[in-house]
């Protein structure tokens, strides 16, 4: 894996920022009658950021990134499904991909882990 330029404090600060955005999205999407699943999507993102923040408070940034990559690899591949389907997985995926952008992870690394993800039928995750 590549060398990261963020220290633990920067990582925690960035994750808290993403968490606030997700919270704002929860509030805004609660008003959406057409797309009620957006609340679940934003909630899943917020939970990912909270978990990664906890990890960042205990571990160095490289370990947090590795944990995020391992988590990403375990998510079932749900790209191409309808908007309201597999919302929790899509929210987790979106949050992890945002995190990878934040830390400057090389796209090649993300693609490598993405290619190892199980198909939807092969996974028991929701």
N, C-alpha and C. Protein backbone atom coordinates (compact mmCIF):
# COMPACT_ATOMS: atom_id res chain seq x y z
N UNK A 1 0.84 -1.18 0.00
CA UNK A 1 0.00 0.00 0.00
C UNK A 1 0.88 1.24 0.00
N UNK A 2 0.36 2.34 -0.47
CA UNK A 2 1.12 3.58 -0.57
C UNK A 2 1.27 4.27 0.78
N UNK A 3 2.21 5.18 0.87
CA UNK A 3 2.44 5.97 2.08
C UNK A 3 1.39 7.08 2.16
N UNK A 4 0.78 7.25 3.33
CA UNK A 4 -0.23 8.28 3.52
C UNK A 4 0.40 9.58 4.00
N UNK A 5 -0.21 10.71 3.63
CA UNK A 5 0.30 12.00 4.05
C UNK A 5 -0.49 12.58 5.22
N UNK A 6 -1.61 11.95 5.59
CA UNK A 6 -2.42 12.43 6.71
C UNK A 6 -1.94 11.84 8.02
N UNK A 7 -1.95 12.67 9.07
CA UNK A 7 -1.67 12.14 10.39
C UNK A 7 -3.00 11.80 11.07
N UNK A 8 -2.96 11.25 12.25
CA UNK A 8 -4.19 10.82 12.94
C UNK A 8 -5.14 11.97 13.19
N UNK A 9 -4.62 13.12 13.60
CA UNK A 9 -5.49 14.28 13.87
C UNK A 9 -6.21 14.74 12.60
N UNK A 10 -5.49 14.79 11.49
CA UNK A 10 -6.11 15.18 10.22
C UNK A 10 -7.17 14.17 9.80
N UNK A 11 -6.87 12.91 10.00
CA UNK A 11 -7.81 11.84 9.66
C UNK A 11 -9.10 11.97 10.47
N UNK A 12 -8.96 12.17 11.77
CA UNK A 12 -10.13 12.32 12.64
C UNK A 12 -10.93 13.56 12.26
N UNK A 13 -10.24 14.66 11.99
CA UNK A 13 -10.91 15.91 11.60
C UNK A 13 -11.71 15.70 10.31
N UNK A 14 -11.10 15.06 9.32
CA UNK A 14 -11.79 14.81 8.06
C UNK A 14 -12.99 13.89 8.22
N UNK A 15 -12.84 12.86 9.03
CA UNK A 15 -13.95 11.93 9.26
C UNK A 15 -15.11 12.61 9.99
N UNK A 16 -14.79 13.48 10.93
CA UNK A 16 -15.85 14.21 11.64
C UNK A 16 -16.59 15.14 10.68
N UNK A 17 -15.84 15.74 9.74
CA UNK A 17 -16.48 16.58 8.73
C UNK A 17 -17.45 15.76 7.88
N UNK A 18 -17.01 14.61 7.40
CA UNK A 18 -17.89 13.73 6.61
C UNK A 18 -19.10 13.28 7.43
N UNK A 19 -18.88 13.03 8.70
CA UNK A 19 -19.98 12.60 9.58
C UNK A 19 -21.03 13.70 9.72
N UNK A 20 -20.58 14.96 9.83
CA UNK A 20 -21.53 16.07 9.91
C UNK A 20 -22.34 16.20 8.62
N UNK A 21 -21.68 16.01 7.50
CA UNK A 21 -22.40 16.07 6.21
C UNK A 21 -23.46 14.98 6.16
N UNK A 22 -23.10 13.78 6.59
CA UNK A 22 -24.07 12.68 6.60
C UNK A 22 -25.25 13.01 7.52
N UNK A 23 -24.98 13.62 8.65
CA UNK A 23 -26.05 13.99 9.58
C UNK A 23 -26.98 15.01 8.93
N UNK A 24 -26.41 15.98 8.24
CA UNK A 24 -27.23 16.96 7.51
C UNK A 24 -28.08 16.26 6.45
N UNK A 25 -27.50 15.29 5.78
CA UNK A 25 -28.24 14.53 4.77
C UNK A 25 -29.39 13.74 5.39
N UNK A 26 -29.18 13.23 6.60
CA UNK A 26 -30.25 12.51 7.29
C UNK A 26 -31.42 13.45 7.54
N UNK A 27 -31.13 14.63 8.03
CA UNK A 27 -32.18 15.61 8.31
C UNK A 27 -32.91 16.00 7.02
N UNK A 28 -32.15 16.32 5.99
CA UNK A 28 -32.76 16.74 4.72
C UNK A 28 -33.54 15.61 4.06
N UNK A 29 -32.99 14.40 4.08
CA UNK A 29 -33.66 13.30 3.38
C UNK A 29 -34.88 12.81 4.15
N UNK A 30 -34.98 13.13 5.42
CA UNK A 30 -36.18 12.79 6.18
C UNK A 30 -37.40 13.52 5.66
N UNK A 31 -37.18 14.59 4.94
CA UNK A 31 -38.26 15.37 4.35
C UNK A 31 -38.65 14.87 2.96
N UNK A 32 -37.89 13.92 2.42
CA UNK A 32 -38.12 13.42 1.06
C UNK A 32 -39.17 12.31 1.06
N UNK A 33 -40.32 12.63 0.51
CA UNK A 33 -41.39 11.64 0.41
C UNK A 33 -41.11 10.68 -0.75
N UNK A 34 -40.47 11.18 -1.80
CA UNK A 34 -40.21 10.39 -3.00
C UNK A 34 -39.12 9.34 -2.79
N UNK A 35 -38.17 9.62 -1.91
CA UNK A 35 -37.03 8.73 -1.73
C UNK A 35 -36.74 8.51 -0.25
N UNK A 36 -37.62 7.81 0.45
CA UNK A 36 -37.43 7.62 1.90
C UNK A 36 -36.16 6.83 2.25
N UNK A 37 -35.64 6.08 1.31
CA UNK A 37 -34.43 5.28 1.54
C UNK A 37 -33.18 6.13 1.72
N UNK A 38 -33.25 7.41 1.35
CA UNK A 38 -32.08 8.27 1.50
C UNK A 38 -31.66 8.43 2.96
N UNK A 39 -32.61 8.35 3.89
CA UNK A 39 -32.29 8.42 5.31
C UNK A 39 -31.40 7.23 5.68
N UNK A 40 -31.76 6.04 5.21
CA UNK A 40 -30.97 4.85 5.52
C UNK A 40 -29.58 4.93 4.89
N UNK A 41 -29.51 5.49 3.70
CA UNK A 41 -28.22 5.65 3.02
C UNK A 41 -27.32 6.58 3.82
N UNK A 42 -27.84 7.72 4.22
CA UNK A 42 -27.05 8.69 4.99
C UNK A 42 -26.68 8.13 6.37
N UNK A 43 -27.59 7.37 6.96
CA UNK A 43 -27.32 6.76 8.27
C UNK A 43 -26.18 5.75 8.15
N UNK A 44 -26.19 4.95 7.10
CA UNK A 44 -25.11 3.97 6.88
C UNK A 44 -23.78 4.68 6.69
N UNK A 45 -23.78 5.78 5.95
CA UNK A 45 -22.53 6.54 5.76
C UNK A 45 -22.04 7.08 7.10
N UNK A 46 -22.94 7.63 7.87
CA UNK A 46 -22.57 8.22 9.16
C UNK A 46 -21.97 7.16 10.10
N UNK A 47 -22.55 5.97 10.07
CA UNK A 47 -22.04 4.88 10.90
C UNK A 47 -20.63 4.46 10.48
N UNK A 48 -20.37 4.45 9.19
CA UNK A 48 -19.02 4.13 8.70
C UNK A 48 -18.03 5.16 9.21
N UNK A 49 -18.38 6.44 9.07
CA UNK A 49 -17.48 7.50 9.52
C UNK A 49 -17.24 7.41 11.03
N UNK A 50 -18.27 7.07 11.79
CA UNK A 50 -18.11 6.93 13.24
C UNK A 50 -17.17 5.79 13.57
N UNK A 51 -17.34 4.67 12.89
CA UNK A 51 -16.47 3.51 13.14
C UNK A 51 -15.02 3.81 12.76
N UNK A 52 -14.83 4.46 11.63
CA UNK A 52 -13.47 4.80 11.21
C UNK A 52 -12.84 5.83 12.16
N UNK A 53 -13.65 6.75 12.68
CA UNK A 53 -13.15 7.73 13.65
C UNK A 53 -12.66 7.02 14.90
N UNK A 54 -13.45 6.06 15.39
CA UNK A 54 -13.03 5.29 16.57
C UNK A 54 -11.71 4.56 16.31
N UNK A 55 -11.59 3.98 15.12
CA UNK A 55 -10.34 3.30 14.77
C UNK A 55 -9.17 4.29 14.73
N UNK A 56 -9.42 5.48 14.17
CA UNK A 56 -8.37 6.48 14.03
C UNK A 56 -7.92 7.02 15.39
N UNK A 57 -8.79 6.95 16.37
CA UNK A 57 -8.42 7.39 17.71
C UNK A 57 -7.52 6.38 18.42
N UNK A 58 -7.53 5.15 17.94
CA UNK A 58 -6.77 4.07 18.59
C UNK A 58 -5.56 3.57 17.77
N UNK A 59 -5.62 3.79 16.45
CA UNK A 59 -4.61 3.21 15.55
C UNK A 59 -4.02 4.27 14.64
N UNK A 60 -2.89 3.93 14.04
CA UNK A 60 -2.29 4.88 13.11
C UNK A 60 -3.05 4.87 11.78
N UNK A 61 -2.91 5.95 11.00
CA UNK A 61 -3.68 6.08 9.76
C UNK A 61 -3.55 4.90 8.79
N UNK A 62 -2.35 4.33 8.67
CA UNK A 62 -2.17 3.19 7.76
C UNK A 62 -3.05 2.01 8.17
N UNK A 63 -3.16 1.77 9.48
CA UNK A 63 -3.99 0.67 9.96
C UNK A 63 -5.47 0.95 9.71
N UNK A 64 -5.87 2.22 9.84
CA UNK A 64 -7.27 2.59 9.59
C UNK A 64 -7.60 2.37 8.12
N UNK A 65 -6.70 2.78 7.26
CA UNK A 65 -6.92 2.59 5.82
C UNK A 65 -7.00 1.10 5.49
N UNK A 66 -6.13 0.31 6.06
CA UNK A 66 -6.16 -1.13 5.80
C UNK A 66 -7.47 -1.74 6.28
N UNK A 67 -7.93 -1.33 7.44
CA UNK A 67 -9.22 -1.81 7.96
C UNK A 67 -10.36 -1.41 7.02
N UNK A 68 -10.31 -0.18 6.52
CA UNK A 68 -11.34 0.29 5.59
C UNK A 68 -11.30 -0.52 4.29
N UNK A 69 -10.11 -0.80 3.80
CA UNK A 69 -9.99 -1.61 2.58
C UNK A 69 -10.53 -3.02 2.80
N UNK A 70 -10.23 -3.61 3.95
CA UNK A 70 -10.73 -4.95 4.25
C UNK A 70 -12.26 -4.94 4.34
N UNK A 71 -12.81 -3.92 4.95
CA UNK A 71 -14.27 -3.76 5.05
C UNK A 71 -14.86 -3.63 3.65
N UNK A 72 -14.26 -2.78 2.83
CA UNK A 72 -14.72 -2.55 1.46
C UNK A 72 -14.73 -3.86 0.66
N UNK A 73 -13.68 -4.65 0.85
CA UNK A 73 -13.56 -5.92 0.13
C UNK A 73 -14.67 -6.90 0.51
N UNK A 74 -15.18 -6.79 1.73
CA UNK A 74 -16.22 -7.70 2.21
C UNK A 74 -17.63 -7.31 1.75
N UNK A 75 -17.81 -6.07 1.34
CA UNK A 75 -19.14 -5.62 0.92
C UNK A 75 -19.56 -6.33 -0.37
N UNK A 76 -20.80 -6.76 -0.43
CA UNK A 76 -21.26 -7.36 -1.69
C UNK A 76 -21.33 -6.31 -2.79
N UNK A 77 -21.11 -6.73 -4.00
CA UNK A 77 -21.13 -5.85 -5.16
C UNK A 77 -22.58 -5.61 -5.56
N UNK A 78 -23.08 -4.37 -5.32
CA UNK A 78 -24.49 -4.07 -5.60
C UNK A 78 -24.68 -2.99 -6.66
N UNK A 79 -23.60 -2.59 -7.30
CA UNK A 79 -23.69 -1.58 -8.35
C UNK A 79 -24.65 -2.06 -9.44
N UNK A 80 -25.51 -1.14 -9.87
CA UNK A 80 -26.46 -1.48 -10.93
C UNK A 80 -27.83 -1.90 -10.42
N UNK A 81 -27.99 -2.06 -9.10
CA UNK A 81 -29.30 -2.39 -8.56
C UNK A 81 -30.13 -1.11 -8.46
N UNK A 82 -31.42 -1.25 -8.28
CA UNK A 82 -32.32 -0.10 -8.18
C UNK A 82 -31.94 0.79 -7.00
N UNK A 83 -32.28 2.07 -7.09
CA UNK A 83 -31.91 3.05 -6.07
C UNK A 83 -32.32 2.65 -4.66
N UNK A 84 -33.51 2.16 -4.46
CA UNK A 84 -33.98 1.84 -3.12
C UNK A 84 -33.56 0.47 -2.61
N UNK A 85 -32.78 -0.27 -3.38
CA UNK A 85 -32.36 -1.61 -2.98
C UNK A 85 -30.95 -1.57 -2.38
N UNK A 86 -30.74 -2.41 -1.36
CA UNK A 86 -29.41 -2.59 -0.74
C UNK A 86 -28.82 -1.25 -0.29
N UNK A 87 -29.68 -0.44 0.30
CA UNK A 87 -29.31 0.94 0.66
C UNK A 87 -28.18 0.97 1.68
N UNK A 88 -28.19 0.09 2.66
CA UNK A 88 -27.14 0.10 3.66
C UNK A 88 -25.78 -0.20 3.03
N UNK A 89 -25.74 -1.19 2.16
CA UNK A 89 -24.48 -1.54 1.49
C UNK A 89 -24.02 -0.37 0.62
N UNK A 90 -24.93 0.24 -0.11
CA UNK A 90 -24.56 1.36 -0.97
C UNK A 90 -24.07 2.54 -0.14
N UNK A 91 -24.68 2.77 1.01
CA UNK A 91 -24.22 3.85 1.88
C UNK A 91 -22.83 3.57 2.43
N UNK A 92 -22.59 2.33 2.83
CA UNK A 92 -21.26 1.95 3.33
C UNK A 92 -20.22 2.10 2.23
N UNK A 93 -20.56 1.62 1.05
CA UNK A 93 -19.65 1.72 -0.09
C UNK A 93 -19.31 3.17 -0.39
N UNK A 94 -20.33 4.02 -0.42
CA UNK A 94 -20.14 5.44 -0.70
C UNK A 94 -19.24 6.09 0.35
N UNK A 95 -19.48 5.77 1.62
CA UNK A 95 -18.67 6.35 2.69
C UNK A 95 -17.22 5.89 2.60
N UNK A 96 -17.02 4.62 2.34
CA UNK A 96 -15.65 4.11 2.23
C UNK A 96 -14.93 4.72 1.04
N UNK A 97 -15.63 4.88 -0.07
CA UNK A 97 -15.01 5.49 -1.25
C UNK A 97 -14.68 6.96 -0.99
N UNK A 98 -15.57 7.67 -0.25
CA UNK A 98 -15.26 9.05 0.14
C UNK A 98 -14.00 9.09 1.02
N UNK A 99 -13.92 8.15 1.94
CA UNK A 99 -12.76 8.05 2.83
C UNK A 99 -11.49 7.83 2.01
N UNK A 100 -11.55 6.94 1.02
CA UNK A 100 -10.38 6.67 0.19
C UNK A 100 -9.93 7.92 -0.57
N UNK A 101 -10.90 8.71 -1.02
CA UNK A 101 -10.56 9.97 -1.68
C UNK A 101 -9.90 10.93 -0.69
N UNK A 102 -10.45 11.00 0.51
CA UNK A 102 -9.93 11.90 1.53
C UNK A 102 -8.47 11.60 1.86
N UNK A 103 -8.14 10.32 1.97
CA UNK A 103 -6.76 9.96 2.34
C UNK A 103 -5.83 9.91 1.14
N UNK A 104 -6.36 10.11 -0.05
CA UNK A 104 -5.53 10.12 -1.24
C UNK A 104 -5.08 8.73 -1.68
N UNK A 105 -5.91 7.74 -1.40
CA UNK A 105 -5.58 6.37 -1.80
C UNK A 105 -5.54 6.28 -3.33
N UNK A 106 -4.54 5.64 -3.83
CA UNK A 106 -4.40 5.49 -5.28
C UNK A 106 -5.60 4.72 -5.84
N UNK A 107 -6.21 5.22 -6.92
CA UNK A 107 -7.36 4.53 -7.50
C UNK A 107 -7.07 3.07 -7.82
N UNK A 108 -5.83 2.78 -8.19
CA UNK A 108 -5.45 1.40 -8.52
C UNK A 108 -5.66 0.47 -7.32
N UNK A 109 -5.34 0.96 -6.13
CA UNK A 109 -5.50 0.15 -4.92
C UNK A 109 -6.98 -0.12 -4.66
N UNK A 110 -7.79 0.94 -4.76
CA UNK A 110 -9.23 0.78 -4.55
C UNK A 110 -9.82 -0.20 -5.58
N UNK A 111 -9.42 -0.06 -6.82
CA UNK A 111 -9.93 -0.97 -7.87
C UNK A 111 -9.54 -2.41 -7.59
N UNK A 112 -8.32 -2.62 -7.07
CA UNK A 112 -7.86 -3.97 -6.75
C UNK A 112 -8.78 -4.60 -5.69
N UNK A 113 -9.08 -3.85 -4.66
CA UNK A 113 -9.94 -4.37 -3.60
C UNK A 113 -11.38 -4.51 -4.09
N UNK A 114 -11.83 -3.58 -4.91
CA UNK A 114 -13.19 -3.65 -5.46
C UNK A 114 -13.36 -4.92 -6.28
N UNK A 115 -12.35 -5.29 -7.01
CA UNK A 115 -12.44 -6.48 -7.87
C UNK A 115 -12.55 -7.77 -7.06
N UNK A 116 -12.19 -7.72 -5.79
CA UNK A 116 -12.25 -8.90 -4.93
C UNK A 116 -13.57 -9.01 -4.17
N UNK A 117 -14.45 -8.04 -4.34
CA UNK A 117 -15.71 -8.05 -3.61
C UNK A 117 -16.61 -9.18 -4.11
N UNK A 118 -17.38 -9.78 -3.20
CA UNK A 118 -18.27 -10.87 -3.61
C UNK A 118 -19.48 -10.35 -4.38
N UNK A 119 -20.03 -11.22 -5.20
CA UNK A 119 -21.28 -10.85 -5.88
C UNK A 119 -22.39 -10.85 -4.83
N UNK A 120 -23.47 -10.22 -5.13
CA UNK A 120 -24.57 -10.07 -4.18
C UNK A 120 -25.07 -11.41 -3.66
N UNK A 121 -25.22 -12.37 -4.52
CA UNK A 121 -25.72 -13.69 -4.11
C UNK A 121 -24.74 -14.47 -3.26
N UNK A 122 -23.46 -14.14 -3.33
CA UNK A 122 -22.44 -14.89 -2.59
C UNK A 122 -22.20 -14.34 -1.21
N UNK A 123 -22.88 -13.23 -0.85
CA UNK A 123 -22.63 -12.59 0.45
C UNK A 123 -23.85 -12.68 1.34
N UNK A 124 -23.61 -12.61 2.64
CA UNK A 124 -24.71 -12.62 3.61
C UNK A 124 -24.91 -11.24 4.20
N UNK A 125 -24.12 -10.23 3.76
CA UNK A 125 -24.29 -8.87 4.29
C UNK A 125 -25.59 -8.26 3.77
N UNK A 126 -26.12 -7.31 4.51
CA UNK A 126 -27.36 -6.66 4.07
C UNK A 126 -27.10 -5.41 3.29
